[in-house]
Amino acid sequence: MQEFLYETTQGDTWDLISFKVFGTERFSKKIAQNNLTYIKTVIFPPGIKIFIPNEIKTEEKGENPPWL
């Protein structure tokens, strides 16, 4: 699985990282699961390197589910 790096800024959270990278909080759980070293971190300090799996980039990240 290929990945790319995101470097945290003071105050980042999993959902904020997902929003900054993808424009939605929807991928915060997948990002956290890909970074088990920091899984219990709630609020990040600056400078932590977070790996973002490339498989997320290929998903249809902004579409509503079919029932909406």
PDB file of N, CA and C in Angstrom:
ATOM      1  N   MET A   1       0.852  -1.183   0.000  1.00  0.00           N
ATOM      2  CA  MET A   1       0.000   0.000   0.000  1.00  0.00           C
ATOM      3  C   MET A   1       0.890   1.236   0.000  1.00  0.00           C
ATOM      4  N   GLN A   2       0.699   2.091  -0.952  1.00  0.00           N
ATOM      5  CA  GLN A   2       1.447   3.327  -1.006  1.00  0.00           C
ATOM      6  C   GLN A   2       0.791   4.356  -0.096  1.00  0.00           C
ATOM      7  N   GLU A   3       1.609   5.271   0.385  1.00  0.00           N
ATOM      8  CA  GLU A   3       1.115   6.282   1.312  1.00  0.00           C
ATOM      9  C   GLU A   3       1.767   7.615   1.004  1.00  0.00           C
ATOM     10  N   PHE A   4       1.183   8.678   1.554  1.00  0.00           N
ATOM     11  CA  PHE A   4       1.862   9.964   1.520  1.00  0.00           C
ATOM     12  C   PHE A   4       1.798  10.566   2.908  1.00  0.00           C
ATOM     13  N   LEU A   5       2.654  11.518   3.168  1.00  0.00           N
ATOM     14  CA  LEU A   5       2.791  12.091   4.504  1.00  0.00           C
ATOM     15  C   LEU A   5       2.011  13.379   4.664  1.00  0.00           C
ATOM     16  N   TYR A   6       1.477  13.549   5.852  1.00  0.00           N
ATOM     17  CA  TYR A   6       0.906  14.817   6.285  1.00  0.00           C
ATOM     18  C   TYR A   6       1.648  15.180   7.563  1.00  0.00           C
ATOM     19  N   GLU A   7       2.127  16.390   7.666  1.00  0.00           N
ATOM     20  CA  GLU A   7       2.801  16.831   8.890  1.00  0.00           C
ATOM     21  C   GLU A   7       1.832  17.684   9.695  1.00  0.00           C
ATOM     22  N   THR A   8       1.625  17.293  10.947  1.00  0.00           N
ATOM     23  CA  THR A   8       0.624  17.965  11.773  1.00  0.00           C
ATOM     24  C   THR A   8       1.048  19.379  12.141  1.00  0.00           C
ATOM     25  N   THR A   9       0.039  20.183  12.415  1.00  0.00           N
ATOM     26  CA  THR A   9       0.233  21.499  13.002  1.00  0.00           C
ATOM     27  C   THR A   9      -0.409  21.456  14.389  1.00  0.00           C
ATOM     28  N   GLN A  10      -0.047  22.378  15.244  1.00  0.00           N
ATOM     29  CA  GLN A  10      -0.573  22.413  16.603  1.00  0.00           C
ATOM     30  C   GLN A  10      -2.099  22.393  16.576  1.00  0.00           C
ATOM     31  N   GLY A  11      -2.696  21.471  17.322  1.00  0.00           N
ATOM     32  CA  GLY A  11      -4.146  21.428  17.448  1.00  0.00           C
ATOM     33  C   GLY A  11      -4.851  20.506  16.465  1.00  0.00           C
ATOM     34  N   ASP A  12      -4.112  19.884  15.544  1.00  0.00           N
ATOM     35  CA  ASP A  12      -4.751  18.947  14.622  1.00  0.00           C
ATOM     36  C   ASP A  12      -5.386  17.787  15.386  1.00  0.00           C
ATOM     37  N   THR A  13      -6.481  17.301  14.866  1.00  0.00           N
ATOM     38  CA  THR A  13      -7.156  16.102  15.354  1.00  0.00           C
ATOM     39  C   THR A  13      -7.359  15.188  14.150  1.00  0.00           C
ATOM     40  N   TRP A  14      -7.769  13.953  14.380  1.00  0.00           N
ATOM     41  CA  TRP A  14      -7.963  13.015  13.273  1.00  0.00           C
ATOM     42  C   TRP A  14      -8.965  13.554  12.258  1.00  0.00           C
ATOM     43  N   ASP A  15     -10.081  14.070  12.747  1.00  0.00           N
ATOM     44  CA  ASP A  15     -11.090  14.572  11.806  1.00  0.00           C
ATOM     45  C   ASP A  15     -10.620  15.830  11.087  1.00  0.00           C
ATOM     46  N   LEU A  16      -9.830  16.658  11.746  1.00  0.00           N
ATOM     47  CA  LEU A  16      -9.303  17.857  11.103  1.00  0.00           C
ATOM     48  C   LEU A  16      -8.267  17.500  10.033  1.00  0.00           C
ATOM     49  N   ILE A  17      -7.443  16.503  10.313  1.00  0.00           N
ATOM     50  CA  ILE A  17      -6.477  16.040   9.310  1.00  0.00           C
ATOM     51  C   ILE A  17      -7.223  15.535   8.072  1.00  0.00           C
ATOM     52  N   SER A  18      -8.236  14.725   8.280  1.00  0.00           N
ATOM     53  CA  SER A  18      -9.043  14.215   7.170  1.00  0.00           C
ATOM     54  C   SER A  18      -9.661  15.374   6.390  1.00  0.00           C
ATOM     55  N   PHE A  19     -10.185  16.359   7.095  1.00  0.00           N
ATOM     56  CA  PHE A  19     -10.804  17.507   6.429  1.00  0.00           C
ATOM     57  C   PHE A  19      -9.776  18.311   5.625  1.00  0.00           C
ATOM     58  N   LYS A  20      -8.604  18.534   6.210  1.00  0.00           N
ATOM     59  CA  LYS A  20      -7.564  19.306   5.518  1.00  0.00           C
ATOM     60  C   LYS A  20      -7.083  18.596   4.251  1.00  0.00           C
ATOM     61  N   VAL A  21      -6.963  17.277   4.321  1.00  0.00           N
ATOM     62  CA  VAL A  21      -6.423  16.522   3.195  1.00  0.00           C
ATOM     63  C   VAL A  21      -7.487  16.255   2.130  1.00  0.00           C
ATOM     64  N   PHE A  22      -8.720  15.896   2.561  1.00  0.00           N
ATOM     65  CA  PHE A  22      -9.740  15.440   1.628  1.00  0.00           C
ATOM     66  C   PHE A  22     -10.976  16.322   1.533  1.00  0.00           C
ATOM     67  N   GLY A  23     -11.092  17.312   2.427  1.00  0.00           N
ATOM     68  CA  GLY A  23     -12.272  18.168   2.398  1.00  0.00           C
ATOM     69  C   GLY A  23     -13.474  17.563   3.092  1.00  0.00           C
ATOM     70  N   THR A  24     -13.271  16.482   3.824  1.00  0.00           N
ATOM     71  CA  THR A  24     -14.336  15.821   4.573  1.00  0.00           C
ATOM     72  C   THR A  24     -13.720  15.091   5.768  1.00  0.00           C
ATOM     73  N   GLU A  25     -14.488  14.967   6.832  1.00  0.00           N
ATOM     74  CA  GLU A  25     -14.031  14.252   8.018  1.00  0.00           C
ATOM     75  C   GLU A  25     -14.202  12.745   7.869  1.00  0.00           C
ATOM     76  N   ARG A  26     -14.803  12.332   6.790  1.00  0.00           N
ATOM     77  CA  ARG A  26     -15.220  10.946   6.561  1.00  0.00           C
ATOM     78  C   ARG A  26     -14.089   9.922   6.678  1.00  0.00           C
ATOM     79  N   PHE A  27     -12.846  10.316   6.458  1.00  0.00           N
ATOM     80  CA  PHE A  27     -11.747   9.360   6.423  1.00  0.00           C
ATOM     81  C   PHE A  27     -10.896   9.361   7.687  1.00  0.00           C
ATOM     82  N   SER A  28     -11.355  10.026   8.730  1.00  0.00           N
ATOM     83  CA  SER A  28     -10.549  10.131   9.953  1.00  0.00           C
ATOM     84  C   SER A  28     -10.254   8.758  10.564  1.00  0.00           C
ATOM     85  N   LYS A  29     -11.215   7.860  10.561  1.00  0.00           N
ATOM     86  CA  LYS A  29     -11.005   6.523  11.140  1.00  0.00           C
ATOM     87  C   LYS A  29      -9.957   5.742  10.351  1.00  0.00           C
ATOM     88  N   LYS A  30     -10.020   5.796   9.028  1.00  0.00           N
ATOM     89  CA  LYS A  30      -9.038   5.082   8.206  1.00  0.00           C
ATOM     90  C   LYS A  30      -7.639   5.656   8.398  1.00  0.00           C
ATOM     91  N   ILE A  31      -7.549   6.966   8.512  1.00  0.00           N
ATOM     92  CA  ILE A  31      -6.247   7.597   8.721  1.00  0.00           C
ATOM     93  C   ILE A  31      -5.691   7.174  10.080  1.00  0.00           C
ATOM     94  N   ALA A  32      -6.527   7.190  11.104  1.00  0.00           N
ATOM     95  CA  ALA A  32      -6.084   6.789  12.440  1.00  0.00           C
ATOM     96  C   ALA A  32      -5.633   5.334  12.452  1.00  0.00           C
ATOM     97  N   GLN A  33      -6.375   4.459  11.799  1.00  0.00           N
ATOM     98  CA  GLN A  33      -6.023   3.040  11.754  1.00  0.00           C
ATOM     99  C   GLN A  33      -4.715   2.807  11.006  1.00  0.00           C
ATOM    100  N   ASN A  34      -4.348   3.715  10.142  1.00  0.00           N
ATOM    101  CA  ASN A  34      -3.098   3.605   9.401  1.00  0.00           C
ATOM    102  C   ASN A  34      -1.907   4.146  10.201  1.00  0.00           C
ATOM    103  N   ASN A  35      -2.178   4.734  11.360  1.00  0.00           N
ATOM    104  CA  ASN A  35      -1.140   5.342  12.208  1.00  0.00           C
ATOM    105  C   ASN A  35      -1.297   4.871  13.649  1.00  0.00           C
ATOM    106  N   LEU A  36      -1.160   3.572  13.861  1.00  0.00           N
ATOM    107  CA  LEU A  36      -1.433   2.986  15.172  1.00  0.00           C
ATOM    108  C   LEU A  36      -0.534   3.538  16.281  1.00  0.00           C
ATOM    109  N   THR A  37       0.629   4.033  15.943  1.00  0.00           N
ATOM    110  CA  THR A  37       1.519   4.617  16.946  1.00  0.00           C
ATOM    111  C   THR A  37       0.843   5.797  17.650  1.00  0.00           C
ATOM    112  N   TYR A  38      -0.008   6.504  16.921  1.00  0.00           N
ATOM    113  CA  TYR A  38      -0.645   7.715  17.457  1.00  0.00           C
ATOM    114  C   TYR A  38      -2.146   7.540  17.685  1.00  0.00           C
ATOM    115  N   ILE A  39      -2.641   6.317  17.655  1.00  0.00           N
ATOM    116  CA  ILE A  39      -4.087   6.062  17.691  1.00  0.00           C
ATOM    117  C   ILE A  39      -4.761   6.683  18.925  1.00  0.00           C
ATOM    118  N   LYS A  40      -4.049   6.785  20.031  1.00  0.00           N
ATOM    119  CA  LYS A  40      -4.650   7.343  21.257  1.00  0.00           C
ATOM    120  C   LYS A  40      -4.459   8.856  21.374  1.00  0.00           C
ATOM    121  N   THR A  41      -3.811   9.458  20.398  1.00  0.00           N
ATOM    122  CA  THR A  41      -3.617  10.909  20.415  1.00  0.00           C
ATOM    123  C   THR A  41      -4.910  11.596  20.009  1.00  0.00           C
ATOM    124  N   VAL A  42      -5.337  12.539  20.807  1.00  0.00           N
ATOM    125  CA  VAL A  42      -6.570  13.270  20.517  1.00  0.00           C
ATOM    126  C   VAL A  42      -6.246  14.592  19.825  1.00  0.00           C
ATOM    127  N   ILE A  43      -5.311  15.335  20.396  1.00  0.00           N
ATOM    128  CA  ILE A  43      -4.892  16.618  19.827  1.00  0.00           C
ATOM    129  C   ILE A  43      -3.388  16.556  19.597  1.00  0.00           C
ATOM    130  N   PHE A  44      -2.989  16.783  18.355  1.00  0.00           N
ATOM    131  CA  PHE A  44      -1.587  16.638  17.973  1.00  0.00           C
ATOM    132  C   PHE A  44      -0.776  17.900  18.223  1.00  0.00           C
ATOM    133  N   PRO A  45       0.497  17.707  18.578  1.00  0.00           N
ATOM    134  CA  PRO A  45       1.445  18.821  18.574  1.00  0.00           C
ATOM    135  C   PRO A  45       1.925  19.003  17.131  1.00  0.00           C
ATOM    136  N   PRO A  46       2.675  20.063  16.861  1.00  0.00           N
ATOM    137  CA  PRO A  46       3.184  20.244  15.494  1.00  0.00           C
ATOM    138  C   PRO A  46       4.302  19.248  15.173  1.00  0.00           C
ATOM    139  N   GLY A  47       4.426  18.928  13.890  1.00  0.00           N
ATOM    140  CA  GLY A  47       5.581  18.173  13.422  1.00  0.00           C
ATOM    141  C   GLY A  47       5.467  16.660  13.396  1.00  0.00           C
ATOM    142  N   ILE A  48       4.314  16.102  13.735  1.00  0.00           N
ATOM    143  CA  ILE A  48       4.136  14.645  13.685  1.00  0.00           C
ATOM    144  C   ILE A  48       3.833  14.254  12.242  1.00  0.00           C
ATOM    145  N   LYS A  49       4.519  13.246  11.753  1.00  0.00           N
ATOM    146  CA  LYS A  49       4.286  12.784  10.377  1.00  0.00           C
ATOM    147  C   LYS A  49       3.216  11.689  10.387  1.00  0.00           C
ATOM    148  N   ILE A  50       2.122  11.966   9.709  1.00  0.00           N
ATOM    149  CA  ILE A  50       0.982  11.056   9.621  1.00  0.00           C
ATOM    150  C   ILE A  50       0.950  10.476   8.203  1.00  0.00           C
ATOM    151  N   PHE A  51       0.805   9.167   8.114  1.00  0.00           N
ATOM    152  CA  PHE A  51       0.728   8.503   6.819  1.00  0.00           C
ATOM    153  C   PHE A  51      -0.719   8.431   6.362  1.00  0.00           C
ATOM    154  N   ILE A  52      -0.955   8.864   5.135  1.00  0.00           N
ATOM    155  CA  ILE A  52      -2.286   8.847   4.537  1.00  0.00           C
ATOM    156  C   ILE A  52      -2.260   7.790   3.433  1.00  0.00           C
ATOM    157  N   PRO A  53      -3.068   6.732   3.552  1.00  0.00           N
ATOM    158  CA  PRO A  53      -3.041   5.697   2.519  1.00  0.00           C
ATOM    159  C   PRO A  53      -3.566   6.217   1.185  1.00  0.00           C
ATOM    160  N   ASN A  54      -2.882   5.873   0.107  1.00  0.00           N
ATOM    161  CA  ASN A  54      -3.294   6.294  -1.228  1.00  0.00           C
ATOM    162  C   ASN A  54      -4.642   5.727  -1.621  1.00  0.00           C
ATOM    163  N   GLU A  55      -5.021   4.594  -1.053  1.00  0.00           N
ATOM    164  CA  GLU A  55      -6.322   4.002  -1.414  1.00  0.00           C
ATOM    165  C   GLU A  55      -7.470   4.952  -1.108  1.00  0.00           C
ATOM    166  N   ILE A  56      -7.336   5.793  -0.124  1.00  0.00           N
ATOM    167  CA  ILE A  56      -8.381   6.764   0.191  1.00  0.00           C
ATOM    168  C   ILE A  56      -8.503   7.778  -0.942  1.00  0.00           C
ATOM    169  N   LYS A  57      -7.387   8.162  -1.524  1.00  0.00           N
ATOM    170  CA  LYS A  57      -7.404   9.172  -2.576  1.00  0.00           C
ATOM    171  C   LYS A  57      -8.222   8.723  -3.779  1.00  0.00           C
ATOM    172  N   THR A  58      -8.329   7.410  -3.994  1.00  0.00           N
ATOM    173  CA  THR A  58      -9.041   6.917  -5.162  1.00  0.00           C
ATOM    174  C   THR A  58     -10.524   6.687  -4.898  1.00  0.00           C
ATOM    175  N   GLU A  59     -10.927   6.738  -3.640  1.00  0.00           N
ATOM    176  CA  GLU A  59     -12.346   6.553  -3.314  1.00  0.00           C
ATOM    177  C   GLU A  59     -13.146   7.773  -3.758  1.00  0.00           C
ATOM    178  N   GLU A  60     -14.427   7.573  -3.945  1.00  0.00           N
ATOM    179  CA  GLU A  60     -15.315   8.687  -4.249  1.00  0.00           C
ATOM    180  C   GLU A  60     -15.588   9.397  -2.940  1.00  0.00           C
ATOM    181  N   LYS A  61     -14.786  10.414  -2.652  1.00  0.00           N
ATOM    182  CA  LYS A  61     -14.778  11.004  -1.324  1.00  0.00           C
ATOM    183  C   LYS A  61     -15.851  12.042  -1.062  1.00  0.00           C
ATOM    184  N   GLY A  62     -16.468  12.592  -2.077  1.00  0.00           N
ATOM    185  CA  GLY A  62     -17.391  13.672  -1.811  1.00  0.00           C
ATOM    186  C   GLY A  62     -18.846  13.377  -2.136  1.00  0.00           C
ATOM    187  N   GLU A  63     -19.147  12.183  -2.560  1.00  0.00           N
ATOM    188  CA  GLU A  63     -20.506  11.903  -2.980  1.00  0.00           C
ATOM    189  C   GLU A  63     -21.385  11.443  -1.821  1.00  0.00           C
ATOM    190  N   ASN A  64     -22.644  11.771  -1.914  1.00  0.00           N
ATOM    191  CA  ASN A  64     -23.620  11.324  -0.929  1.00  0.00           C
ATOM    192  C   ASN A  64     -23.942   9.859  -1.152  1.00  0.00           C
ATOM    193  N   PRO A  65     -24.358   9.144  -0.100  1.00  0.00           N
ATOM    194  CA  PRO A  65     -24.791   7.765  -0.286  1.00  0.00           C
ATOM    195  C   PRO A  65     -26.030   7.720  -1.201  1.00  0.00           C
ATOM    196  N   PRO A  66     -26.285   6.590  -1.844  1.00  0.00           N
ATOM    197  CA  PRO A  66     -27.369   6.505  -2.830  1.00  0.00           C
ATOM    198  C   PRO A  66     -28.760   6.819  -2.286  1.00  0.00           C
ATOM    199  N   TRP A  67     -28.969   6.652  -0.958  1.00  0.00           N
ATOM    200  CA  TRP A  67     -30.307   6.884  -0.420  1.00  0.00           C
ATOM    201  C   TRP A  67     -30.601   8.351  -0.170  1.00  0.00           C
ATOM    202  N   LEU A  68     -29.631   9.234  -0.374  1.00  0.00           N
ATOM    203  CA  LEU A  68     -29.883  10.677  -0.180  1.00  0.00           C
ATOM    204  C   LEU A  68     -30.183  11.374  -1.477  1.00  0.00           C
TER     205      LEU A  68
END
